[in-house]
Amino acid sequence: MILKFDLYMSRLHQERTIHMYLPDDYLVTKKRYPVLYMFDGHNLFNDEDATYGKSWNLEQQIRWNHKELIVVGQECSHDGNARLDEYGPWPFADENFGIFEGKGEATMHFFVEELKPYIDHHFPTLPDRDHTWIGGSSCGGLMAYFAGVFYSHIYSKSLVISPYFQPVEEYLYWDTERAYVHDGSCMYMSWGALEGGKHSFIRETKICTELANKLINKGVYIQFNVKPEGRHRESDWEKEASTFLNFLL
């Protein structure tokens, strides 16, 4: 079952549509479910909602893999390049898109202080840290990393898929080194060889492995998925759904 509704983000002064998957029997059973929070929620379930006309087909992937969980996806801003600002934890510049302030902290305030309490109040969740997870791809993958490291008291597992790391590489190294990460934290980290050319793949591999080494030293469990044919698009992220769902459950 897919639900859609709007919630107000108080620090960004805007409403966002929430795309939510619920097990079909959630109204007639007494079960409570773990929750995976995700960025770019419009790309998760239905092709007609997806930015480029192709979703992750995540509802079917959950059914085919016989997983029981709730998925809550926040739709990003579609106003120009505002998504990059909203999903940027630090200020950064991109040669193709411009200079960004980085409003990721305001986005995380919404996820932690507004979205999660609303979901826990209205739906049959398992609200504890062990059953609260977060994930995303591209800029959403960067945000999932940020949440998994710097909000590890809330999220025990994070899905960092094709992350947009390169523009904030130095921030990532510096702040990860200083971060306190709670015990029992786990991270799934994936990227593909065909996402941006050979040079980009080599650099992304360097960043991901260096960050992973810093996290391993802090006791974080890391599961890598390096995809030789992986591209930076929803159809490829759909293909790895079985892998990351098995990581979660």
Protein backbone atom coordinates (compact mmCIF):
# COMPACT_ATOMS: atom_id res chain seq x y z
CA MET A 1 0.00 0.00 0.00
CA ILE A 2 1.31 3.45 -0.95
CA LEU A 3 0.15 6.58 0.86
CA LYS A 4 0.90 10.19 -0.03
CA PHE A 5 0.47 13.21 2.23
CA ASP A 6 2.11 16.58 2.85
CA LEU A 7 4.07 17.72 5.90
CA TYR A 8 5.49 21.14 6.70
CA MET A 9 9.25 21.58 7.10
CA SER A 10 9.48 24.32 9.73
CA ARG A 11 13.08 25.40 9.11
CA LEU A 12 12.74 25.52 5.33
CA HIS A 13 9.22 27.01 5.50
CA GLN A 14 7.91 24.66 2.84
CA GLU A 15 5.65 21.65 2.53
CA ARG A 16 6.98 18.34 1.24
CA THR A 17 5.05 15.36 -0.05
CA ILE A 18 5.71 12.11 1.79
CA HIS A 19 5.56 8.86 -0.21
CA MET A 20 5.02 5.96 2.16
CA TYR A 21 4.91 2.19 1.76
CA LEU A 22 2.94 0.17 4.33
CA PRO A 23 2.39 -3.60 4.44
CA ASP A 24 -1.12 -4.35 3.16
CA ASP A 25 -2.23 -5.96 6.42
CA TYR A 26 -1.03 -3.19 8.74
CA LEU A 27 -4.59 -2.18 9.67
CA VAL A 28 -5.77 -5.68 10.62
CA THR A 29 -2.76 -7.07 12.47
CA LYS A 30 -1.10 -6.05 15.69
CA LYS A 31 2.34 -6.11 14.14
CA ARG A 32 4.74 -3.23 14.47
CA TYR A 33 7.35 -2.61 11.82
CA PRO A 34 10.85 -1.19 11.41
CA VAL A 35 11.01 2.01 9.38
CA LEU A 36 13.35 2.95 6.55
CA TYR A 37 13.38 6.71 5.96
CA MET A 38 14.54 7.77 2.50
CA PHE A 39 15.34 10.85 0.46
CA ASP A 40 13.86 11.53 -3.00
CA GLY A 41 10.67 9.69 -2.06
CA HIS A 42 8.99 10.46 -5.38
CA ASN A 43 11.48 8.16 -7.16
CA LEU A 44 10.88 5.10 -4.98
CA PHE A 45 7.54 3.53 -5.91
CA ASN A 46 5.71 4.75 -9.01
CA ASP A 47 7.12 5.58 -12.44
CA GLU A 48 4.57 8.36 -12.91
CA ASP A 49 5.96 10.19 -9.85
CA ALA A 50 9.63 9.71 -10.70
CA THR A 51 11.70 12.63 -11.98
CA TYR A 52 12.90 10.77 -15.08
CA GLY A 53 9.90 8.48 -15.53
CA LYS A 54 11.52 5.43 -13.88
CA SER A 55 11.20 4.54 -10.20
CA TRP A 56 13.06 2.04 -8.01
CA ASN A 57 9.91 -0.13 -8.08
CA LEU A 58 10.56 -0.54 -4.38
CA GLU A 59 7.08 -1.74 -3.41
CA GLN A 60 7.41 -4.78 -5.68
CA GLN A 61 10.99 -5.37 -4.56
CA ILE A 62 9.85 -5.49 -0.94
CA ARG A 63 7.10 -7.97 -1.82
CA TRP A 64 9.37 -10.18 -3.95
CA ASN A 65 11.95 -10.31 -1.16
CA HIS A 66 9.31 -11.04 1.52
CA LYS A 67 10.38 -8.17 3.77
CA GLU A 68 8.21 -6.58 6.43
CA LEU A 69 8.97 -2.91 6.95
CA ILE A 70 7.60 0.57 6.45
CA VAL A 71 9.32 2.92 4.00
CA VAL A 72 8.91 6.68 4.36
CA GLY A 73 10.27 8.79 1.50
CA GLN A 74 10.49 12.58 1.57
CA GLU A 75 10.03 14.26 -1.80
CA CYS A 76 12.73 16.83 -2.49
CA SER A 77 12.31 20.36 -3.80
CA HIS A 78 11.84 20.59 -7.56
CA ASP A 79 12.58 24.32 -7.68
CA GLY A 80 15.63 24.68 -9.93
CA ASN A 81 18.69 23.27 -8.16
CA ALA A 82 17.18 23.66 -4.68
CA ARG A 83 17.49 19.90 -4.15
CA LEU A 84 21.27 20.24 -4.01
CA ASP A 85 20.94 22.86 -1.27
CA GLU A 86 18.37 20.85 0.67
CA TYR A 87 20.45 17.69 0.48
CA GLY A 88 23.81 19.37 1.13
CA PRO A 89 25.09 19.02 4.72
CA TRP A 90 27.90 21.52 4.08
CA PRO A 91 28.44 24.52 1.76
CA PHE A 92 29.85 23.45 -1.59
CA ALA A 93 30.39 24.41 -5.21
CA ASP A 94 29.60 22.32 -8.26
CA GLU A 95 31.06 23.40 -11.60
CA ASN A 96 27.87 22.42 -13.39
CA PHE A 97 25.26 23.73 -10.96
CA GLY A 98 26.78 26.61 -8.96
CA ILE A 99 27.44 27.48 -5.32
CA PHE A 100 25.26 26.21 -2.50
CA GLU A 101 24.79 27.20 1.12
CA GLY A 102 24.02 23.65 2.24
CA LYS A 103 20.75 23.28 4.14
CA GLY A 104 21.17 19.64 5.09
CA GLU A 105 20.97 20.38 8.82
CA ALA A 106 17.54 21.96 8.32
CA THR A 107 16.49 18.87 6.35
CA MET A 108 17.71 16.57 9.11
CA HIS A 109 15.81 18.65 11.67
CA PHE A 110 12.67 17.84 9.69
CA PHE A 111 13.50 14.12 9.54
CA VAL A 112 14.33 13.82 13.24
CA GLU A 113 12.08 16.37 14.95
CA GLU A 114 9.01 16.41 12.70
CA LEU A 115 8.77 13.47 10.32
CA LYS A 116 9.79 10.63 12.65
CA PRO A 117 7.53 11.74 15.55
CA TYR A 118 4.60 12.06 13.14
CA ILE A 119 5.15 8.58 11.67
CA ASP A 120 5.64 6.98 15.10
CA HIS A 121 2.44 8.60 16.39
CA HIS A 122 0.19 7.65 13.47
CA PHE A 123 1.52 4.28 12.30
CA PRO A 124 2.52 0.91 13.87
CA THR A 125 6.26 1.44 14.01
CA LEU A 126 9.07 0.01 16.08
CA PRO A 127 10.40 3.44 17.06
CA ASP A 128 13.63 2.42 18.77
CA ARG A 129 17.05 3.05 17.22
CA ASP A 130 17.62 -0.59 16.26
CA HIS A 131 14.57 -0.48 13.98
CA THR A 132 15.04 3.02 12.56
CA TRP A 133 17.06 3.28 9.33
CA ILE A 134 17.81 5.82 6.62
CA GLY A 135 18.84 5.68 2.97
CA GLY A 136 19.21 7.49 -0.30
CA SER A 137 21.07 7.78 -3.58
CA SER A 138 23.23 10.52 -5.11
CA CYS A 139 22.66 13.64 -2.95
CA GLY A 140 20.33 11.45 -0.91
CA GLY A 141 23.23 9.04 -0.47
CA LEU A 142 25.35 11.88 0.89
CA MET A 143 22.54 12.74 3.31
CA ALA A 144 22.17 9.10 4.34
CA TYR A 145 25.89 9.04 5.16
CA PHE A 146 25.57 12.29 7.11
CA ALA A 147 22.61 10.89 9.05
CA GLY A 148 24.27 7.53 9.69
CA VAL A 149 27.37 9.17 11.15
CA PHE A 150 26.14 12.35 12.82
CA TYR A 151 22.65 11.14 13.82
CA SER A 152 23.68 7.62 14.77
CA HIS A 153 21.73 7.98 18.03
CA ILE A 154 18.57 7.93 15.86
CA TYR A 155 19.49 5.67 12.92
CA SER A 156 21.26 2.33 13.38
CA LYS A 157 21.58 1.46 9.68
CA SER A 158 22.13 3.63 6.63
CA LEU A 159 22.00 2.93 2.89
CA VAL A 160 24.58 5.10 1.14
CA ILE A 161 23.94 4.45 -2.56
CA SER A 162 25.93 6.16 -5.35
CA PRO A 163 26.74 9.03 -2.98
CA TYR A 164 27.47 12.56 -4.18
CA PHE A 165 30.68 12.84 -2.14
CA GLN A 166 33.20 14.61 -4.33
CA PRO A 167 32.19 18.28 -3.83
CA VAL A 168 32.37 17.91 -0.01
CA GLU A 169 35.30 15.49 0.24
CA GLU A 170 37.33 17.50 2.75
CA TYR A 171 34.33 18.15 5.02
CA LEU A 172 33.61 14.43 5.01
CA TYR A 173 37.12 13.46 6.07
CA TRP A 174 37.44 16.13 8.74
CA ASP A 175 34.03 15.74 10.36
CA THR A 176 33.99 11.93 10.16
CA GLU A 177 37.33 11.85 11.96
CA ARG A 178 35.87 13.93 14.80
CA ALA A 179 32.46 12.22 14.99
CA TYR A 180 31.24 9.99 17.79
CA VAL A 181 29.34 7.08 16.24
CA HIS A 182 27.12 4.98 18.46
CA ASP A 183 27.79 1.28 18.96
CA GLY A 184 25.96 -1.08 16.65
CA SER A 185 25.96 1.28 13.67
CA CYS A 186 25.93 -0.34 10.22
CA MET A 187 26.35 1.15 6.77
CA TYR A 188 25.70 -0.21 3.28
CA MET A 189 27.83 1.67 0.76
CA SER A 190 27.52 1.13 -3.00
CA TRP A 191 28.76 2.80 -6.16
CA GLY A 192 29.17 1.87 -9.81
CA ALA A 193 32.04 1.88 -12.27
CA LEU A 194 29.94 3.49 -15.02
CA GLU A 195 28.55 6.39 -13.03
CA GLY A 196 30.85 9.15 -14.21
CA GLY A 197 33.81 7.90 -16.18
CA LYS A 198 37.04 6.21 -15.11
CA HIS A 199 38.51 9.20 -13.28
CA SER A 200 35.30 9.79 -11.35
CA PHE A 201 35.07 6.11 -10.39
CA ILE A 202 38.66 6.07 -9.12
CA ARG A 203 38.09 9.19 -7.04
CA GLU A 204 34.75 7.95 -5.69
CA THR A 205 36.36 4.64 -4.75
CA LYS A 206 39.12 6.49 -2.90
CA ILE A 207 36.66 8.63 -0.96
CA CYS A 208 34.35 5.74 -0.07
CA THR A 209 37.14 3.46 1.10
CA GLU A 210 38.88 6.17 3.12
CA LEU A 211 35.64 7.10 4.84
CA ALA A 212 34.86 3.43 5.44
CA ASN A 213 38.26 2.91 7.06
CA LYS A 214 37.61 5.83 9.42
CA LEU A 215 34.22 4.35 10.34
CA ILE A 216 35.56 0.82 10.78
CA ASN A 217 38.05 2.25 13.27
CA LYS A 218 35.05 3.60 15.18
CA GLY A 219 33.39 0.17 15.25
CA VAL A 220 30.94 0.65 12.35
CA TYR A 221 30.08 -2.41 10.27
CA ILE A 222 30.41 -1.64 6.55
CA GLN A 223 28.96 -3.67 3.68
CA PHE A 224 30.32 -2.66 0.27
CA ASN A 225 28.63 -3.22 -3.07
CA VAL A 226 30.90 -2.08 -5.89
CA LYS A 227 29.08 -2.60 -9.19
CA PRO A 228 31.23 -3.10 -12.33
CA GLU A 229 28.27 -2.22 -14.57
CA GLY A 230 26.63 0.22 -12.17
CA ARG A 231 25.25 3.50 -13.52
CA HIS A 232 23.87 6.58 -11.79
CA ARG A 233 20.16 6.02 -12.34
CA GLU A 234 17.03 4.60 -10.78
CA SER A 235 16.89 1.43 -12.89
CA ASP A 236 20.31 0.42 -11.55
CA TRP A 237 19.34 1.18 -7.95
CA GLU A 238 16.29 -1.00 -8.44
CA LYS A 239 18.59 -3.88 -9.42
CA GLU A 240 20.38 -3.78 -6.08
CA ALA A 241 17.21 -3.63 -3.99
CA SER A 242 17.47 -7.30 -2.98
CA THR A 243 21.00 -6.68 -1.72
CA PHE A 244 20.25 -3.65 0.41
CA LEU A 245 16.96 -5.09 1.71
CA ASN A 246 18.84 -8.17 2.87
CA PHE A 247 21.34 -5.86 4.57
CA LEU A 248 18.49 -4.30 6.55
CA LEU A 249 16.48 -7.46 7.33
